[in-house]
Structure formats: C-alpha cells, structure tokens
Amino acid sequence: MSLTDKSSVTQPQFRVHHPPGAHPASDPRVAFFNHHAPTWDQNNQEVTRTLERLNALRERLALRPGQDLLELGCGTGRLTNWLVDCVHPGRVVAADFSPDMLAQAQARKTAAEFWLLDICQDPPGAERFDVVFCFNAFPHFRDKPRALQNIGRLLKSGGRLLILHLAGSAHLDQFHSKLSHPVCRDLMPSPDQWLGLTSAAGLRLCSLTDKDDLFLLEADKDGPAQPKTN
C-alpha cells in the first residue's frame, strides 16, 4: 500500500511529508500495521504498565517543558499525551508511516500535530526539533542508516535523539523473528554498529543501555563520539 493511498486516509487530516509528485516506495510494513491498527490497543494492562515504566524513566529521559518534540513511529498514539504532558507548553508532532495507525492516534484528540511520514524515504522539511523520540519503532525502519540521517537533519543544533524499548535488543530480535512477514526480519543493529551508524548521521552517541528489560540510546547533534555504555 502506498503512503498516499486515499482509501486509508478518509476523515482524519494529516500533514503528508513527501516531495510533490513523488511516489514513496511501497513498504509492506505499512499494510501490516494498517491491518493491525484497529486492535492494537486491546491490552489495556500492557498500556498501563508501559506508562508506569515511562514515569519511572521520566527523569532519565530529561524531557523538559517548552521543547519541540517529534514522536517518530507514534503508532496509535498511546504515549503521545504523556509526551505532551512532559514538554508542555512545548510542541509535539506525532508521526507514523501507517495512515490507519495515525488515524487511531488522532482520534484520541491529543494536543499534538500529526504527520504521515516515512522517515526512511521522505527528506525532512525546514522544521527542526529539540528531541526526536522513537519508542518501539526503530526495528521497523527498513533503511536504518537513511532513517538516522533524516533524523539528524530534523534535529536542532544540540538536539537529542532518544530510541527507547522496554526490553533489550536480544529479546526484541527474538520476539520479532516469531512474527509474520514482513516484520519477522525487523531486527535491531548490534551493539557494535551503533557508533558507526550515529556518526555517519552526524550524531554523537552519548549513551547506550542494552539489558534484558531496557534499551535506551541517547545521541545528540553536536560533538565527537564519546559513548557511555552499560
């Protein structure tokens, strides 16, 4: 399904990011997530546990009032209101490449903007952000080097990238490998690949935590790479 397929974008009004006249590459993951969007949030206990974990990590994530934040891979928007609360009176833009996921997010009537955006293909516009926050989404970016390069262009000088999962990369890879096509091949980079990936995108790898119950990468726009890992 194309990102510009009008059958998936009916009532909601998204800001669509791709060059005029361009046809974004077909990514089978879009159809996968469109299909699952209506039932994605059926497990309310999981949503509650996720928000509890995020509150416990809030100080470490260092999200501050007044920041401009891009939530990349927002899915159905179950974290978007939490992010709005963290950066208020700042701005939150919630972006996803699945129009049906984005429709679910917009239906929550959260005080955020919504962008239909394929970070692996669409070149960033002129807007820049203090934070790009990517939760439970990075493995699904089909071209991870290009995604990081576009993220780097979207950050202000000194801006921060946060990639967060509430499980380590080994667990994530094992979980995804048991799912159906196409997400069964959506794996995380190995720990020794991150420094090269971030450096090539013009980002400084500040810290990397990869343990059983947490993956958290922090990178910023400026400075030489001096990563701290644990």
Protein backbone atom coordinates (compact mmCIF):
# COMPACT_ATOMS: atom_id res chain seq x y z
CA MET A 1 0.00 0.00 0.00
CA SER A 2 1.28 3.42 -0.88
CA LEU A 3 1.53 6.05 1.81
CA THR A 4 -0.64 8.21 -0.41
CA ASP A 5 -3.46 5.65 -0.74
CA LYS A 6 -6.55 7.80 -0.12
CA SER A 7 -8.65 4.81 0.94
CA SER A 8 -6.81 4.75 4.26
CA VAL A 9 -6.99 8.50 4.86
CA THR A 10 -10.67 9.43 4.96
CA GLN A 11 -11.80 11.80 7.69
CA PRO A 12 -8.51 12.46 9.53
CA GLN A 13 -6.38 15.26 8.14
CA PHE A 14 -2.66 14.51 8.32
CA ARG A 15 0.25 16.56 7.18
CA VAL A 16 1.74 14.37 4.45
CA HIS A 17 5.51 14.54 4.01
CA HIS A 18 6.90 13.66 0.62
CA PRO A 19 8.13 15.72 -2.32
CA PRO A 20 5.44 16.93 -4.77
CA GLY A 21 4.87 14.36 -7.49
CA ALA A 22 6.91 11.71 -5.69
CA HIS A 23 5.65 8.20 -5.06
CA PRO A 24 7.11 6.80 -1.83
CA ALA A 25 8.49 3.30 -2.12
CA SER A 26 5.99 0.60 -1.26
CA ASP A 27 6.81 -0.87 2.14
CA PRO A 28 4.83 -3.99 3.09
CA ARG A 29 5.09 -2.94 6.74
CA VAL A 30 2.58 -0.18 6.05
CA ALA A 31 -0.10 -2.72 5.12
CA PHE A 32 0.88 -4.85 8.13
CA PHE A 33 0.39 -2.00 10.60
CA ASN A 34 -2.73 -0.72 8.83
CA HIS A 35 -4.24 -4.18 9.25
CA HIS A 36 -3.47 -4.35 12.97
CA ALA A 37 -4.31 -0.74 13.85
CA PRO A 38 -7.95 -1.30 14.94
CA THR A 39 -6.98 -3.94 17.52
CA TRP A 40 -3.54 -2.65 18.51
CA ASP A 41 -4.55 -1.32 21.94
CA GLN A 42 -6.83 -4.11 23.14
CA ASN A 43 -4.47 -4.99 26.01
CA ASN A 44 -5.17 -2.14 28.43
CA GLN A 45 -2.97 -3.67 31.12
CA GLU A 46 0.02 -3.50 28.78
CA VAL A 47 -0.66 0.19 28.09
CA THR A 48 -0.87 0.87 31.84
CA ARG A 49 2.41 -0.95 32.51
CA THR A 50 4.13 0.94 29.71
CA LEU A 51 3.08 4.30 31.14
CA GLU A 52 4.24 3.23 34.60
CA ARG A 53 7.67 2.35 33.20
CA LEU A 54 7.87 5.64 31.34
CA ASN A 55 7.06 7.58 34.50
CA ALA A 56 9.87 5.73 36.26
CA LEU A 57 12.24 6.74 33.42
CA ARG A 58 10.98 10.32 33.16
CA GLU A 59 13.92 11.97 34.93
CA ARG A 60 16.44 9.93 32.95
CA LEU A 61 14.80 10.85 29.64
CA ALA A 62 15.21 14.53 30.59
CA LEU A 63 12.25 15.80 28.60
CA ARG A 64 11.69 19.43 29.52
CA PRO A 65 8.83 21.95 29.33
CA GLY A 66 8.98 24.10 26.23
CA GLN A 67 10.78 21.59 24.00
CA ASP A 68 9.71 20.87 20.42
CA LEU A 69 9.44 17.08 20.19
CA LEU A 70 8.92 14.72 17.26
CA GLU A 71 7.46 11.35 18.25
CA LEU A 72 8.66 9.14 15.42
CA GLY A 73 6.65 5.96 14.93
CA CYS A 74 3.81 7.08 17.18
CA GLY A 75 1.56 4.16 16.24
CA THR A 76 -1.89 4.54 17.79
CA GLY A 77 -0.70 7.42 19.95
CA ARG A 78 -0.91 5.74 23.31
CA LEU A 79 2.18 7.63 24.53
CA THR A 80 1.54 10.91 22.77
CA ASN A 81 -0.45 12.53 25.57
CA TRP A 82 2.28 11.54 28.05
CA LEU A 83 4.84 13.28 25.85
CA VAL A 84 2.60 16.35 25.54
CA ASP A 85 2.47 16.49 29.33
CA CYS A 86 6.28 16.21 29.55
CA VAL A 87 7.08 19.12 27.23
CA HIS A 88 4.06 21.41 27.73
CA PRO A 89 3.91 24.25 26.73
CA GLY A 90 6.19 22.90 24.01
CA ARG A 91 5.07 21.29 20.79
CA VAL A 92 4.61 17.60 20.00
CA VAL A 93 4.42 16.25 16.45
CA ALA A 94 3.32 12.60 16.27
CA ALA A 95 4.45 10.90 13.06
CA ASP A 96 3.96 7.46 11.55
CA PHE A 97 4.10 5.83 8.10
CA SER A 98 0.83 3.93 8.67
CA PRO A 99 -2.21 6.12 7.96
CA ASP A 100 -4.51 3.77 9.87
CA MET A 101 -2.30 3.85 12.95
CA LEU A 102 -2.19 7.62 12.65
CA ALA A 103 -5.99 7.77 12.42
CA GLN A 104 -6.22 5.89 15.72
CA ALA A 105 -3.76 8.31 17.28
CA GLN A 106 -5.60 11.37 16.03
CA ALA A 107 -8.93 10.02 17.31
CA ARG A 108 -7.60 10.40 20.87
CA LYS A 109 -7.85 14.18 20.35
CA THR A 110 -4.46 14.76 21.93
CA ALA A 111 -2.98 18.26 21.74
CA ALA A 112 -0.43 17.25 19.10
CA GLU A 113 0.11 17.62 15.37
CA PHE A 114 0.04 14.52 13.18
CA TRP A 115 2.34 13.82 10.26
CA LEU A 116 2.18 10.96 7.78
CA LEU A 117 5.92 10.45 7.37
CA ASP A 118 8.20 7.70 6.06
CA ILE A 119 11.50 8.55 7.76
CA CYS A 120 13.36 6.09 5.50
CA GLN A 121 12.41 7.99 2.37
CA ASP A 122 10.94 11.42 2.97
CA PRO A 123 13.54 14.19 3.19
CA PRO A 124 12.98 16.48 6.19
CA GLY A 125 11.49 19.88 5.61
CA ALA A 126 12.66 23.09 7.20
CA GLU A 127 11.30 22.34 10.67
CA ARG A 128 13.69 21.29 13.44
CA PHE A 129 13.16 19.70 16.84
CA ASP A 130 14.81 19.68 20.24
CA VAL A 131 14.04 15.96 20.67
CA VAL A 132 13.24 13.07 18.35
CA PHE A 133 11.65 10.35 20.48
CA CYS A 134 11.41 6.87 18.96
CA PHE A 135 9.62 4.27 21.09
CA ASN A 136 9.12 0.67 19.92
CA ALA A 137 9.63 1.67 16.29
CA PHE A 138 13.27 1.65 15.22
CA PRO A 139 13.47 -2.06 14.20
CA HIS A 140 10.70 -1.43 11.67
CA PHE A 141 12.66 1.19 9.72
CA ARG A 142 13.66 -0.70 6.57
CA ASP A 143 16.67 1.57 5.86
CA LYS A 144 18.16 2.34 9.26
CA PRO A 145 21.18 4.38 8.07
CA ARG A 146 18.94 6.65 6.00
CA ALA A 147 16.42 6.92 8.85
CA LEU A 148 19.18 8.12 11.17
CA GLN A 149 20.48 10.58 8.58
CA ASN A 150 17.00 12.08 8.21
CA ILE A 151 16.61 12.19 11.98
CA GLY A 152 19.91 14.07 12.18
CA ARG A 153 18.59 16.65 9.73
CA LEU A 154 15.42 17.07 11.78
CA LEU A 155 17.29 17.91 14.98
CA LYS A 156 18.27 21.39 16.03
CA SER A 157 21.89 22.02 16.96
CA GLY A 158 22.27 20.32 20.32
CA GLY A 159 19.05 18.38 19.80
CA ARG A 160 18.69 14.85 21.16
CA LEU A 161 17.62 11.51 19.73
CA LEU A 162 16.10 9.01 22.16
CA ILE A 163 15.50 5.42 21.00
CA LEU A 164 13.63 3.51 23.70
CA HIS A 165 12.36 -0.04 24.18
CA LEU A 166 11.29 -1.63 27.44
CA ALA A 167 13.28 -4.75 26.56
CA GLY A 168 16.80 -5.40 25.34
CA SER A 169 17.76 -5.86 21.71
CA ALA A 170 18.23 -9.63 22.05
CA HIS A 171 14.68 -10.02 23.35
CA LEU A 172 13.32 -7.72 20.64
CA ASP A 173 15.05 -9.66 17.88
CA GLN A 174 13.74 -12.96 19.25
CA PHE A 175 10.20 -11.59 19.52
CA HIS A 176 10.13 -10.12 16.01
CA SER A 177 11.62 -13.25 14.45
CA LYS A 178 8.50 -15.19 15.55
CA LEU A 179 6.07 -12.79 13.87
CA SER A 180 4.75 -12.92 10.33
CA HIS A 181 6.20 -11.30 7.22
CA PRO A 182 7.43 -8.60 6.86
CA VAL A 183 8.23 -7.72 10.48
CA CYS A 184 9.89 -11.08 11.16
CA ARG A 185 13.09 -9.60 9.72
CA ASP A 186 12.93 -6.31 11.61
CA LEU A 187 16.00 -6.59 13.83
CA MET A 188 17.96 -4.12 15.92
CA PRO A 189 21.53 -3.17 14.98
CA SER A 190 24.12 -5.00 17.03
CA PRO A 191 25.70 -3.01 19.89
CA ASP A 192 28.95 -2.51 17.98
CA GLN A 193 27.13 -0.99 14.98
CA TRP A 194 25.55 1.96 16.74
CA LEU A 195 28.63 4.17 16.93
CA GLY A 196 29.19 3.97 13.18
CA LEU A 197 25.51 4.44 12.37
CA THR A 198 25.10 7.53 14.52
CA SER A 199 28.43 9.05 13.45
CA ALA A 200 27.51 8.64 9.77
CA ALA A 201 24.29 10.55 10.50
CA GLY A 202 26.18 13.44 12.10
CA LEU A 203 25.15 12.43 15.60
CA ARG A 204 27.19 11.93 18.76
CA LEU A 205 26.41 8.70 20.59
CA CYS A 206 26.12 9.85 24.21
CA SER A 207 24.94 6.68 25.96
CA LEU A 208 23.67 3.21 25.19
CA THR A 209 21.91 0.89 27.64
CA ASP A 210 21.06 -2.57 26.35
CA LYS A 211 19.97 -5.02 29.03
CA ASP A 212 17.15 -7.52 29.47
CA ASP A 213 14.46 -5.02 30.45
CA LEU A 214 15.64 -1.81 28.76
CA PHE A 215 17.13 -0.49 25.55
CA LEU A 216 17.86 3.23 25.64
CA LEU A 217 20.06 5.08 23.19
CA GLU A 218 20.77 8.78 23.51
CA ALA A 219 22.55 10.72 20.78
CA ASP A 220 22.83 14.42 20.07
CA LYS A 221 23.53 16.66 17.13
CA ASP A 222 26.90 18.06 18.20
CA GLY A 223 30.31 16.93 19.35
CA PRO A 224 32.68 13.97 18.87
CA ALA A 225 31.50 10.47 19.68
CA GLN A 226 32.25 9.53 23.28
CA PRO A 227 29.70 6.85 24.06
CA LYS A 228 28.89 5.59 27.51
CA THR A 229 27.50 2.06 27.55
CA ASN A 230 26.05 -0.13 30.25
